[in-house]
Every structure is written in structure tokens, then in C-alpha cells.
Amino acid sequence: MSWSIAIDDQTCIGSGMCAGVAPEHFELVDGYSVAKKGRIEPSDDVVDAAESCPVEAILVKDVDSGKVVAPEE
């Protein structure tokens, strides 16, 4: 099983919450969040980062099923 991480660069405000929660998966580049890898192994830290984003700019999906893992609706 693997997950994909997508960040809406039009929504991201560069709060840095994701990089603070999951620095192994996110970094700030030019003031905005960037996923270090587009595909990852499932990680609670990535779910926490997506859930903590104040503008819900991070979308985590299961690659196989396409099901949204985070943020919860």
C-alpha cells in the first residue's frame, strides 16, 4: 500500500505546520509547502500534517483505491 501527497499551491499559505509535524515528508520552499516525495508508505505523521493544515491544502490519498486518507471530511 502507498499513499500520494498533493499540495494545492493556490491554497497553501506557508504556515509551516506540515513541516513542523512531519519534517521528513514536507519542507517549505520559497515560503510554501512542498512534499519531499509524491508517493510514500502510510504514515500517521502525514495524516497529522494534513489534518493540522489551517487551510486544508494537503490531500493524502491511497494510490490503489483513490480513497482520501486525509483530511477527513
N, C-alpha and C. Protein backbone atom coordinates (compact mmCIF):
# COMPACT_ATOMS: atom_id res chain seq x y z
N MET A 1 0.84 -1.18 0.00
CA MET A 1 0.00 0.00 0.00
C MET A 1 0.89 1.25 0.00
N SER A 2 0.49 2.23 -0.78
CA SER A 2 1.20 3.50 -0.74
C SER A 2 0.19 4.64 -0.86
N TRP A 3 0.64 5.80 -0.44
CA TRP A 3 -0.18 6.99 -0.46
C TRP A 3 0.45 8.03 -1.37
N SER A 4 -0.39 8.91 -1.91
CA SER A 4 0.11 10.06 -2.65
C SER A 4 -0.16 11.31 -1.83
N ILE A 5 0.74 12.27 -1.98
CA ILE A 5 0.59 13.55 -1.30
C ILE A 5 0.51 14.63 -2.37
N ALA A 6 -0.55 15.44 -2.31
CA ALA A 6 -0.68 16.58 -3.21
C ALA A 6 -0.91 17.82 -2.37
N ILE A 7 -0.25 18.89 -2.76
CA ILE A 7 -0.42 20.16 -2.05
C ILE A 7 -0.95 21.18 -3.05
N ASP A 8 -2.07 21.79 -2.71
CA ASP A 8 -2.66 22.82 -3.56
C ASP A 8 -1.88 24.11 -3.35
N ASP A 9 -1.04 24.45 -4.33
CA ASP A 9 -0.19 25.62 -4.16
C ASP A 9 -0.96 26.94 -4.23
N GLN A 10 -2.20 26.88 -4.71
CA GLN A 10 -3.04 28.08 -4.72
C GLN A 10 -3.69 28.31 -3.36
N THR A 11 -3.77 27.25 -2.55
CA THR A 11 -4.40 27.33 -1.24
C THR A 11 -3.38 27.51 -0.12
N CYS A 12 -2.21 26.90 -0.27
CA CYS A 12 -1.18 26.92 0.77
C CYS A 12 -0.81 28.35 1.16
N ILE A 13 -0.76 28.59 2.48
CA ILE A 13 -0.39 29.92 2.97
C ILE A 13 1.00 29.90 3.61
N GLY A 14 1.67 28.76 3.58
CA GLY A 14 3.03 28.67 4.10
C GLY A 14 3.13 28.75 5.61
N SER A 15 2.13 28.21 6.32
CA SER A 15 2.15 28.28 7.78
C SER A 15 3.29 27.45 8.37
N GLY A 16 3.71 26.42 7.65
CA GLY A 16 4.80 25.56 8.13
C GLY A 16 4.36 24.48 9.09
N MET A 17 3.06 24.38 9.34
CA MET A 17 2.57 23.35 10.27
C MET A 17 2.97 21.96 9.79
N CYS A 18 2.85 21.70 8.50
CA CYS A 18 3.16 20.38 7.96
C CYS A 18 4.64 20.03 8.16
N ALA A 19 5.50 20.99 7.89
CA ALA A 19 6.94 20.75 8.05
C ALA A 19 7.30 20.58 9.52
N GLY A 20 6.56 21.23 10.41
CA GLY A 20 6.79 21.07 11.84
C GLY A 20 6.33 19.72 12.35
N VAL A 21 5.21 19.24 11.83
CA VAL A 21 4.62 17.97 12.26
C VAL A 21 5.33 16.78 11.62
N ALA A 22 5.67 16.91 10.33
CA ALA A 22 6.26 15.79 9.59
C ALA A 22 7.43 16.27 8.72
N PRO A 23 8.52 16.68 9.35
CA PRO A 23 9.64 17.25 8.59
C PRO A 23 10.30 16.27 7.62
N GLU A 24 10.09 14.98 7.84
CA GLU A 24 10.66 14.01 6.91
C GLU A 24 9.85 13.93 5.61
N HIS A 25 8.65 14.54 5.61
CA HIS A 25 7.79 14.47 4.43
C HIS A 25 7.51 15.82 3.77
N PHE A 26 7.68 16.91 4.52
CA PHE A 26 7.36 18.24 4.00
C PHE A 26 8.49 19.23 4.28
N GLU A 27 8.63 20.21 3.39
CA GLU A 27 9.55 21.30 3.63
C GLU A 27 8.96 22.57 3.02
N LEU A 28 9.42 23.70 3.48
CA LEU A 28 8.97 24.97 2.91
C LEU A 28 10.00 25.41 1.88
N VAL A 29 9.52 25.72 0.69
CA VAL A 29 10.37 26.23 -0.39
C VAL A 29 9.75 27.54 -0.86
N ASP A 30 10.54 28.61 -0.81
CA ASP A 30 10.04 29.94 -1.17
C ASP A 30 8.77 30.30 -0.41
N GLY A 31 8.69 29.84 0.84
CA GLY A 31 7.57 30.19 1.71
C GLY A 31 6.34 29.33 1.57
N TYR A 32 6.42 28.26 0.77
CA TYR A 32 5.26 27.39 0.59
C TYR A 32 5.65 25.93 0.79
N SER A 33 4.69 25.13 1.18
CA SER A 33 4.93 23.72 1.46
C SER A 33 5.16 22.92 0.17
N VAL A 34 6.10 21.98 0.28
CA VAL A 34 6.39 21.06 -0.80
C VAL A 34 6.54 19.67 -0.19
N ALA A 35 5.93 18.69 -0.81
CA ALA A 35 6.11 17.31 -0.36
C ALA A 35 7.47 16.83 -0.85
N LYS A 36 8.25 16.23 0.05
CA LYS A 36 9.57 15.73 -0.33
C LYS A 36 9.46 14.56 -1.31
N LYS A 37 8.38 13.78 -1.20
CA LYS A 37 8.11 12.69 -2.14
C LYS A 37 6.62 12.71 -2.46
N GLY A 38 6.27 12.40 -3.69
CA GLY A 38 4.87 12.36 -4.09
C GLY A 38 4.17 11.10 -3.65
N ARG A 39 4.96 10.01 -3.50
CA ARG A 39 4.41 8.72 -3.05
C ARG A 39 5.17 8.27 -1.82
N ILE A 40 4.42 7.83 -0.82
CA ILE A 40 5.03 7.43 0.45
C ILE A 40 4.38 6.16 0.97
N GLU A 41 5.04 5.55 1.93
CA GLU A 41 4.41 4.49 2.72
C GLU A 41 3.45 5.18 3.69
N PRO A 42 2.36 4.52 4.08
CA PRO A 42 1.44 5.14 5.04
C PRO A 42 2.15 5.62 6.30
N SER A 43 1.77 6.80 6.75
CA SER A 43 2.43 7.43 7.90
C SER A 43 1.42 8.26 8.69
N ASP A 44 1.36 8.00 9.99
CA ASP A 44 0.50 8.80 10.86
C ASP A 44 0.91 10.26 10.86
N ASP A 45 2.23 10.53 10.74
CA ASP A 45 2.71 11.91 10.72
C ASP A 45 2.13 12.69 9.54
N VAL A 46 1.99 12.04 8.39
CA VAL A 46 1.45 12.71 7.21
C VAL A 46 -0.04 13.01 7.42
N VAL A 47 -0.76 12.09 8.01
CA VAL A 47 -2.17 12.34 8.33
C VAL A 47 -2.27 13.52 9.30
N ASP A 48 -1.43 13.52 10.34
CA ASP A 48 -1.44 14.62 11.30
C ASP A 48 -1.12 15.95 10.62
N ALA A 49 -0.17 15.94 9.70
CA ALA A 49 0.20 17.16 8.99
C ALA A 49 -0.96 17.67 8.14
N ALA A 50 -1.62 16.77 7.41
CA ALA A 50 -2.75 17.18 6.58
C ALA A 50 -3.90 17.71 7.44
N GLU A 51 -4.13 17.05 8.57
CA GLU A 51 -5.20 17.48 9.47
C GLU A 51 -4.87 18.81 10.15
N SER A 52 -3.59 19.12 10.34
CA SER A 52 -3.20 20.34 11.05
C SER A 52 -3.08 21.55 10.12
N CYS A 53 -3.12 21.31 8.80
CA CYS A 53 -3.02 22.43 7.86
C CYS A 53 -4.21 23.36 8.06
N PRO A 54 -3.96 24.64 8.36
CA PRO A 54 -5.08 25.55 8.66
C PRO A 54 -5.98 25.83 7.46
N VAL A 55 -5.50 25.59 6.24
CA VAL A 55 -6.32 25.85 5.06
C VAL A 55 -6.62 24.58 4.25
N GLU A 56 -6.30 23.41 4.84
CA GLU A 56 -6.53 22.11 4.20
C GLU A 56 -5.97 22.06 2.78
N ALA A 57 -4.72 22.49 2.62
CA ALA A 57 -4.07 22.50 1.31
C ALA A 57 -3.45 21.15 0.95
N ILE A 58 -3.36 20.23 1.93
CA ILE A 58 -2.72 18.94 1.71
C ILE A 58 -3.79 17.87 1.51
N LEU A 59 -3.62 17.08 0.45
CA LEU A 59 -4.54 15.98 0.16
C LEU A 59 -3.73 14.69 0.11
N VAL A 60 -4.10 13.75 0.96
CA VAL A 60 -3.43 12.45 1.02
C VAL A 60 -4.42 11.40 0.55
N LYS A 61 -4.00 10.60 -0.45
CA LYS A 61 -4.88 9.57 -1.00
C LYS A 61 -4.17 8.22 -1.02
N ASP A 62 -4.96 7.17 -0.92
CA ASP A 62 -4.47 5.81 -1.13
C ASP A 62 -4.30 5.65 -2.64
N VAL A 63 -3.09 5.29 -3.07
CA VAL A 63 -2.80 5.19 -4.50
C VAL A 63 -3.66 4.14 -5.19
N ASP A 64 -3.84 3.00 -4.56
CA ASP A 64 -4.58 1.90 -5.19
C ASP A 64 -6.07 2.18 -5.33
N SER A 65 -6.70 2.66 -4.27
CA SER A 65 -8.15 2.84 -4.28
C SER A 65 -8.59 4.25 -4.66
N GLY A 66 -7.69 5.23 -4.52
CA GLY A 66 -8.05 6.62 -4.77
C GLY A 66 -8.80 7.25 -3.61
N LYS A 67 -8.98 6.49 -2.54
CA LYS A 67 -9.71 6.98 -1.36
C LYS A 67 -8.90 8.06 -0.64
N VAL A 68 -9.60 9.13 -0.25
CA VAL A 68 -8.95 10.20 0.51
C VAL A 68 -8.66 9.70 1.92
N VAL A 69 -7.40 9.81 2.32
CA VAL A 69 -6.98 9.40 3.66
C VAL A 69 -7.06 10.60 4.60
N ALA A 70 -6.65 11.76 4.12
CA ALA A 70 -6.67 12.98 4.93
C ALA A 70 -6.70 14.19 3.99
N PRO A 71 -7.30 15.28 4.39
CA PRO A 71 -8.00 15.47 5.66
C PRO A 71 -9.37 14.78 5.63
N GLU A 72 -9.83 14.45 6.83
CA GLU A 72 -11.15 13.84 6.95
C GLU A 72 -12.19 14.88 6.62
N GLU A 73 -13.25 14.43 5.95
CA GLU A 73 -14.31 15.38 5.58
C GLU A 73 -15.34 15.50 6.67
